[in-house]
Amino acid sequence: VSAESNVLKKKFKYPARGAILDRTGKVIVQNEPVYDLMVIPNEVKSFDTLTLANALEISLADARKFMRKARAKSPYQATPFVKQISVQSYARLQEIMYRFPGFSTQDRTIRHYPDSLGGLLFGYVKEVSQVDIDKSENYYRSGDYIGKSGLERSYEEVLRGERGVVNTIYDVHNVPQGSYADGKYDINAVSGERLISGIDIQVQRLGEELMKNKVGAIVAIEPSSGEIISMVSSPGYDPNLLVGKDQGNHYMDLIGNPYRPSYPRAIQGYYPPGSAFKPIDALIGLQEGVIDPNTTFFCPHYYQAGNRRIKCEHFDGSISLRKGIARSCNTYFCYVFQKLITKNGMKNQRQT
């Protein structure tokens, strides 16, 4: 084959996204290999559409539709023909690729969540939109993936890695003949960094089991560091639903679910803190010096705030801090809060 018949093709190498580990070192988010079949419509010659469709396990009608869409998008640039084909389809395809000039395969990876937990915690990854590309000042290109929510979004710059480029010479039969200039102008892809989270996946599992068939949230925090050990929103969903070809359908199912499994209750829900807040109220009062361990208040079975009366479950009379905590006395901690807001220059609600 003459040199004039050879073609130089540039192919992007997509990096493996960084794995996410829990606090014990267990991998809780990882990657699985998939492949995209790319096509440059202007380079396609007459081919056996049925053979290609069978290899890809798609219908003849779909194969023709995908080609029309690729031509409409760009006749001269590589465009996805079928995304995320399986390893089995890829193996079949490699044996017959020489029969399909203009087609090539692209290595990709997709996310896998081995424990099927923490859908709202980990979030999901999706192909970039034009808005994403514009916001990134064209760092992203069409076909790139980006974290859209959860940890995947928050740590996108850590997890995404860096694209690479491979320049390859192909002959007239679309068979690769080797690297251009011995790879001098190639750029290696750089995998994303591993992210070690504060999550304990076993605690996460327990939390999700406890919240099964319930509506609400659990957040477990390591007091000494503030690390999040577990974050549960219920109802939730299996994060693997938002991976692969059916991602769009599953996403719409979640959005349309009346129980709102896609709503992150742990960080966006509003819930009265209840008596769990009373020890915090006490600690702040002690720190601010408005009370000490011996401070007493009189509990007449209620606390009067302006024209609103807040009931207490007990009639304890004069009560100290220790007993106030033990009895979960509403009156005592309303007085503490009153002193805090008065000290900090806020209007005393008892006088309104």
Protein backbone atom coordinates (compact mmCIF):
# COMPACT_ATOMS: atom_id res chain seq x y z
CA VAL A 1 0.00 0.00 0.00
CA SER A 2 1.41 3.37 -0.93
CA ALA A 3 2.03 6.07 1.63
CA GLU A 4 -0.55 8.23 -0.15
CA SER A 5 -3.24 5.73 0.83
CA ASN A 6 -2.46 5.98 4.52
CA VAL A 7 -4.49 8.18 6.82
CA LEU A 8 -3.46 9.79 10.11
CA LYS A 9 -6.17 9.61 12.75
CA LYS A 10 -6.14 11.28 16.13
CA LYS A 11 -7.95 9.42 18.87
CA PHE A 12 -8.56 10.68 22.37
CA LYS A 13 -7.68 8.37 25.23
CA TYR A 14 -10.11 8.81 28.08
CA PRO A 15 -8.69 8.38 31.58
CA ALA A 16 -10.08 6.02 34.16
CA ARG A 17 -12.00 7.98 36.73
CA GLY A 18 -10.54 7.84 40.23
CA ALA A 19 -11.88 5.18 42.57
CA ILE A 20 -13.57 6.16 45.84
CA LEU A 21 -12.67 4.29 49.03
CA ASP A 22 -14.31 4.26 52.42
CA ARG A 23 -12.45 5.08 55.63
CA THR A 24 -11.30 1.45 56.01
CA GLY A 25 -9.78 1.32 52.52
CA LYS A 26 -12.61 -0.65 50.89
CA VAL A 27 -13.37 0.34 47.29
CA ILE A 28 -16.93 1.63 47.20
CA VAL A 29 -16.93 3.25 43.74
CA GLN A 30 -14.97 1.73 40.86
CA ASN A 31 -14.87 1.51 37.06
CA GLU A 32 -15.91 -1.06 34.48
CA PRO A 33 -14.70 -1.13 30.85
CA VAL A 34 -17.06 -0.35 27.99
CA TYR A 35 -16.53 0.76 24.41
CA ASP A 36 -18.03 3.34 22.09
CA LEU A 37 -18.28 2.65 18.38
CA MET A 38 -17.34 5.87 16.59
CA VAL A 39 -18.02 6.81 12.99
CA ILE A 40 -16.75 9.48 10.60
CA PRO A 41 -19.65 9.53 8.09
CA ASN A 42 -17.64 11.04 5.25
CA GLU A 43 -15.21 8.10 5.37
CA VAL A 44 -17.91 5.42 5.38
CA LYS A 45 -18.28 3.35 2.24
CA SER A 46 -21.05 0.97 1.30
CA PHE A 47 -21.18 -1.73 3.97
CA ASP A 48 -23.24 -4.65 5.23
CA THR A 49 -25.55 -2.86 7.66
CA LEU A 50 -27.15 -6.10 8.84
CA THR A 51 -23.81 -7.65 9.81
CA LEU A 52 -22.88 -4.55 11.80
CA ALA A 53 -26.29 -4.45 13.49
CA ASN A 54 -26.02 -8.12 14.49
CA ALA A 55 -22.55 -7.61 15.93
CA LEU A 56 -23.86 -4.71 18.02
CA GLU A 57 -27.09 -6.50 18.96
CA ILE A 58 -29.24 -3.68 17.61
CA SER A 59 -31.99 -3.64 15.00
CA LEU A 60 -31.41 -2.80 11.36
CA ALA A 61 -33.72 0.20 11.76
CA ASP A 62 -31.67 1.49 14.69
CA ALA A 63 -28.41 1.09 12.76
CA ARG A 64 -29.79 3.22 9.93
CA LYS A 65 -31.18 5.78 12.38
CA PHE A 66 -27.83 6.08 14.16
CA MET A 67 -26.06 6.68 10.86
CA ARG A 68 -28.50 9.44 9.92
CA LYS A 69 -27.94 11.11 13.29
CA ALA A 70 -24.16 10.90 12.90
CA ARG A 71 -24.30 12.46 9.44
CA ALA A 72 -26.53 15.25 10.72
CA LYS A 73 -24.15 15.99 13.60
CA SER A 74 -20.93 16.11 11.57
CA PRO A 75 -19.93 14.32 8.36
CA TYR A 76 -16.22 14.92 9.00
CA GLN A 77 -15.73 14.33 12.73
CA ALA A 78 -15.80 11.13 14.75
CA THR A 79 -19.25 10.81 16.30
CA PRO A 80 -20.58 8.06 18.59
CA PHE A 81 -22.54 5.52 16.57
CA VAL A 82 -23.37 3.27 19.53
CA LYS A 83 -22.23 4.10 23.05
CA GLN A 84 -21.22 1.76 25.83
CA ILE A 85 -21.20 -1.51 23.92
CA SER A 86 -20.45 -4.61 25.96
CA VAL A 87 -17.15 -6.46 26.09
CA GLN A 88 -18.79 -9.33 24.18
CA SER A 89 -20.02 -7.06 21.37
CA TYR A 90 -16.62 -5.40 21.26
CA ALA A 91 -14.91 -8.77 20.78
CA ARG A 92 -17.22 -9.69 17.90
CA LEU A 93 -16.73 -6.29 16.35
CA GLN A 94 -12.94 -6.45 16.40
CA GLU A 95 -13.00 -9.48 14.10
CA ILE A 96 -14.86 -7.61 11.36
CA MET A 97 -13.79 -3.98 11.78
CA TYR A 98 -11.72 -4.11 8.58
CA ARG A 99 -15.00 -4.41 6.67
CA PHE A 100 -16.26 -1.05 7.94
CA PRO A 101 -14.09 1.89 6.85
CA GLY A 102 -14.90 5.05 8.78
CA PHE A 103 -15.72 3.16 11.97
CA SER A 104 -13.46 2.83 15.01
CA THR A 105 -13.77 1.84 18.64
CA GLN A 106 -13.11 4.04 21.63
CA ASP A 107 -12.17 2.66 25.06
CA ARG A 108 -14.27 4.10 27.88
CA THR A 109 -15.11 3.29 31.48
CA ILE A 110 -18.35 3.61 33.39
CA ARG A 111 -18.95 3.69 37.12
CA HIS A 112 -19.86 0.68 39.21
CA TYR A 113 -21.04 0.76 42.83
CA PRO A 114 -20.34 -2.72 44.22
CA ASP A 115 -22.41 -2.28 47.38
CA SER A 116 -25.43 -0.71 45.61
CA LEU A 117 -25.64 1.86 48.42
CA GLY A 118 -25.54 5.63 48.76
CA GLY A 119 -27.15 6.76 45.52
CA LEU A 120 -27.66 10.30 46.79
CA LEU A 121 -24.35 10.33 48.63
CA PHE A 122 -22.12 9.29 45.73
CA GLY A 123 -24.19 10.95 43.01
CA TYR A 124 -23.82 10.02 39.37
CA VAL A 125 -21.74 10.69 36.26
CA LYS A 126 -23.17 11.77 32.93
CA GLU A 127 -21.99 12.95 29.53
CA VAL A 128 -21.33 16.68 29.47
CA SER A 129 -23.90 19.07 28.08
CA GLN A 130 -23.11 22.17 26.07
CA VAL A 131 -23.69 24.19 29.24
CA ASP A 132 -21.01 22.13 31.02
CA ILE A 133 -18.60 22.71 28.13
CA ASP A 134 -19.23 26.46 28.12
CA LYS A 135 -18.85 26.76 31.90
CA SER A 136 -15.52 24.91 31.77
CA GLU A 137 -14.17 27.37 29.19
CA ASN A 138 -13.96 24.45 26.75
CA TYR A 139 -11.91 22.22 29.07
CA TYR A 140 -14.51 19.54 28.40
CA ARG A 141 -15.31 18.25 24.93
CA SER A 142 -18.40 16.57 23.58
CA GLY A 143 -18.32 12.96 24.77
CA ASP A 144 -16.57 13.66 28.08
CA TYR A 145 -18.19 12.58 31.33
CA ILE A 146 -18.69 14.77 34.38
CA GLY A 147 -19.90 14.25 37.94
CA LYS A 148 -23.41 15.68 38.15
CA SER A 149 -24.22 15.29 41.85
CA GLY A 150 -22.95 14.02 45.20
CA LEU A 151 -19.29 13.19 45.75
CA GLU A 152 -18.87 12.66 42.01
CA ARG A 153 -19.64 16.33 41.46
CA SER A 154 -17.96 17.79 44.55
CA TYR A 155 -14.64 16.09 43.75
CA GLU A 156 -14.89 16.24 39.95
CA GLU A 157 -11.49 17.88 39.49
CA VAL A 158 -9.82 15.21 41.64
CA LEU A 159 -11.61 12.23 40.09
CA ARG A 160 -11.75 13.10 36.38
CA GLY A 161 -8.10 12.69 35.34
CA GLU A 162 -6.61 14.09 32.13
CA ARG A 163 -7.38 13.08 28.54
CA GLY A 164 -4.64 11.69 26.33
CA VAL A 165 -4.16 11.58 22.55
CA VAL A 166 -2.89 8.78 20.30
CA ASN A 167 -1.94 9.44 16.67
CA THR A 168 -2.24 6.32 14.51
CA ILE A 169 -1.65 5.56 10.84
CA TYR A 170 -4.42 3.55 9.11
CA ASP A 171 -4.23 1.96 5.68
CA VAL A 172 -6.91 2.06 3.00
CA HIS A 173 -8.63 -0.95 4.61
CA ASN A 174 -9.00 0.86 7.94
CA VAL A 175 -6.37 -1.38 9.52
CA PRO A 176 -4.00 0.38 11.96
CA GLN A 177 -0.41 0.40 10.74
CA GLY A 178 1.25 1.80 13.84
CA SER A 179 1.89 5.02 15.70
CA TYR A 180 2.65 8.21 13.85
CA ALA A 181 6.28 9.29 14.35
CA ASP A 182 6.76 6.46 16.85
CA GLY A 183 4.37 8.10 19.26
CA LYS A 184 6.39 11.30 19.52
CA TYR A 185 3.25 13.44 19.50
CA ASP A 186 1.10 11.17 21.64
CA ILE A 187 -0.05 12.27 25.08
CA ASN A 188 -0.67 9.70 27.78
CA ALA A 189 -3.99 9.78 29.59
CA VAL A 190 -3.67 10.38 33.33
CA SER A 191 -6.09 8.49 35.55
CA GLY A 192 -8.05 10.34 38.19
CA GLU A 193 -6.83 10.29 41.76
CA ARG A 194 -8.18 7.92 44.38
CA LEU A 195 -10.49 9.59 46.86
CA ILE A 196 -10.45 8.29 50.42
CA SER A 197 -13.72 9.34 52.01
CA GLY A 198 -14.79 9.46 55.63
CA ILE A 199 -17.64 7.06 54.86
CA ASP A 200 -17.80 3.68 56.59
CA ILE A 201 -19.73 1.57 54.11
CA GLN A 202 -20.88 -0.86 56.81
CA VAL A 203 -22.39 2.00 58.82
CA GLN A 204 -23.95 3.29 55.60
CA ARG A 205 -25.45 -0.15 54.99
CA LEU A 206 -26.86 -0.29 58.52
CA GLY A 207 -28.35 3.18 58.17
CA GLU A 208 -30.06 2.31 54.90
CA GLU A 209 -31.43 -0.90 56.40
CA LEU A 210 -32.80 1.00 59.41
CA MET A 211 -34.49 3.54 57.14
CA LYS A 212 -36.02 0.99 54.80
CA ASN A 213 -39.70 1.82 54.13
CA LYS A 214 -39.30 5.07 56.10
CA VAL A 215 -39.03 8.70 55.06
CA GLY A 216 -36.23 10.74 56.59
CA ALA A 217 -32.48 10.95 56.93
CA ILE A 218 -29.54 9.81 59.05
CA VAL A 219 -26.19 11.56 59.28
CA ALA A 220 -23.42 10.03 61.42
CA ILE A 221 -20.50 12.36 62.17
CA GLU A 222 -17.13 11.70 63.81
CA PRO A 223 -17.13 14.38 66.56
CA SER A 224 -13.35 14.73 66.76
CA SER A 225 -12.89 15.56 63.08
CA GLY A 226 -16.30 16.40 61.63
CA GLU A 227 -15.95 13.59 59.08
CA ILE A 228 -19.19 12.20 57.68
CA ILE A 229 -19.28 8.48 58.48
CA SER A 230 -22.69 7.86 56.96
CA MET A 231 -25.29 9.93 55.15
CA VAL A 232 -28.60 8.28 54.42
CA SER A 233 -31.61 9.76 52.65
CA SER A 234 -34.71 7.61 52.55
CA PRO A 235 -36.20 6.56 50.29
CA GLY A 236 -33.08 6.36 48.16
CA TYR A 237 -31.99 4.38 45.12
CA ASP A 238 -29.30 2.01 43.85
CA PRO A 239 -26.63 4.24 42.23
CA ASN A 240 -26.09 1.58 39.55
CA LEU A 241 -29.46 2.60 38.09
CA LEU A 242 -27.85 5.81 36.81
CA VAL A 243 -25.11 3.99 34.91
CA GLY A 244 -25.18 2.64 31.38
CA LYS A 245 -27.51 2.88 28.41
CA ASP A 246 -30.70 3.00 30.48
CA GLN A 247 -29.50 5.89 32.65
CA GLY A 248 -31.94 8.36 31.09
CA ASN A 249 -34.98 6.12 31.54
CA HIS A 250 -34.09 5.33 35.14
CA TYR A 251 -33.49 9.01 35.88
CA MET A 252 -36.96 9.93 34.65
CA ASP A 253 -38.45 7.12 36.74
CA LEU A 254 -36.76 8.52 39.84
CA ILE A 255 -37.86 12.08 39.09
CA GLY A 256 -41.45 10.92 38.57
CA ASN A 257 -41.58 8.78 41.71
CA PRO A 258 -44.05 10.37 44.18
CA TYR A 259 -41.85 9.31 47.12
CA ARG A 260 -39.01 11.44 45.71
CA PRO A 261 -36.06 9.04 46.04
CA SER A 262 -33.89 11.57 44.20
CA TYR A 263 -34.41 14.23 46.90
CA PRO A 264 -31.34 14.51 49.20
CA ARG A 265 -33.20 14.80 52.49
CA ALA A 266 -30.00 14.58 54.54
CA ILE A 267 -28.77 17.96 53.27
CA GLN A 268 -31.85 19.69 51.87
CA GLY A 269 -34.69 18.50 54.08
CA TYR A 270 -35.95 20.71 56.91
CA TYR A 271 -36.67 18.88 60.16
CA PRO A 272 -37.26 20.22 63.69
CA PRO A 273 -34.24 19.18 65.77
CA GLY A 274 -36.38 18.35 68.79
CA SER A 275 -34.85 17.44 72.13
CA ALA A 276 -31.62 16.30 70.50
CA PHE A 277 -30.72 20.00 70.29
CA LYS A 278 -31.01 20.61 74.05
CA PRO A 279 -27.48 19.39 74.96
CA ILE A 280 -26.11 21.65 72.23
CA ASP A 281 -28.13 24.53 73.68
CA ALA A 282 -26.59 23.75 77.08
CA LEU A 283 -23.03 23.57 75.72
CA ILE A 284 -23.39 26.91 73.96
CA GLY A 285 -24.86 28.44 77.11
CA LEU A 286 -21.92 27.20 79.17
CA GLN A 287 -19.41 28.39 76.59
CA GLU A 288 -21.03 31.83 76.39
CA GLY A 289 -21.17 32.08 80.17
CA VAL A 290 -24.91 32.67 80.42
CA ILE A 291 -25.32 29.59 82.64
CA ASP A 292 -23.15 27.33 84.76
CA PRO A 293 -23.79 23.78 86.03
CA ASN A 294 -25.62 25.17 89.07
CA THR A 295 -27.91 27.61 87.24
CA THR A 296 -31.57 26.95 88.04
CA PHE A 297 -34.82 28.05 86.44
CA PHE A 298 -38.41 27.60 87.55
CA CYS A 299 -40.52 25.28 85.41
CA PRO A 300 -44.28 25.81 85.89
CA HIS A 301 -45.09 23.18 83.23
CA TYR A 302 -44.64 25.67 80.38
CA TYR A 303 -42.57 28.54 78.96
CA GLN A 304 -44.27 31.73 77.88
CA ALA A 305 -42.80 33.37 74.74
CA GLY A 306 -44.80 36.49 74.01
CA ASN A 307 -48.33 35.30 73.32
CA ARG A 308 -47.21 31.73 72.70
CA ARG A 309 -47.07 29.14 75.47
CA ILE A 310 -44.62 26.25 74.98
CA LYS A 311 -45.64 23.26 77.05
CA CYS A 312 -43.27 21.12 79.09
CA GLU A 313 -43.94 17.46 79.83
CA HIS A 314 -43.14 17.92 83.52
CA PHE A 315 -43.88 20.26 86.41
CA ASP A 316 -40.49 20.37 88.11
CA GLY A 317 -40.45 23.72 89.86
CA SER A 318 -36.87 24.87 90.41
CA ILE A 319 -34.60 22.80 88.16
CA SER A 320 -30.83 22.74 87.53
CA LEU A 321 -28.88 22.02 84.35
CA ARG A 322 -28.19 18.35 85.10
CA LYS A 323 -31.83 17.64 85.93
CA GLY A 324 -32.97 19.75 82.99
CA ILE A 325 -31.04 17.48 80.63
CA ALA A 326 -32.19 14.31 82.39
CA ARG A 327 -35.84 15.42 82.27
CA SER A 328 -35.53 17.01 78.81
CA CYS A 329 -37.17 20.11 80.24
CA ASN A 330 -38.48 22.43 77.53
CA THR A 331 -38.76 25.32 79.96
CA TYR A 332 -35.14 25.14 81.12
CA PHE A 333 -33.69 25.23 77.64
CA CYS A 334 -36.03 27.94 76.47
CA TYR A 335 -34.62 30.07 79.29
CA VAL A 336 -31.08 29.22 78.16
CA PHE A 337 -31.93 30.26 74.62
CA GLN A 338 -33.53 33.46 75.92
CA LYS A 339 -30.31 34.37 77.74
CA LEU A 340 -28.21 33.62 74.67
CA ILE A 341 -30.19 35.88 72.35
CA THR A 342 -30.33 38.63 74.98
CA LYS A 343 -26.56 38.50 75.48
CA ASN A 344 -25.94 38.69 71.74
CA GLY A 345 -28.06 41.80 71.31
CA MET A 346 -31.12 40.18 69.83
CA LYS A 347 -34.60 41.19 70.86
CA ASN A 348 -35.92 39.38 73.93
CA GLN A 349 -38.93 37.48 72.63
CA ARG A 350 -40.46 37.23 76.10
CA GLN A 351 -41.00 40.98 76.00
CA THR A 352 -42.82 41.04 72.64
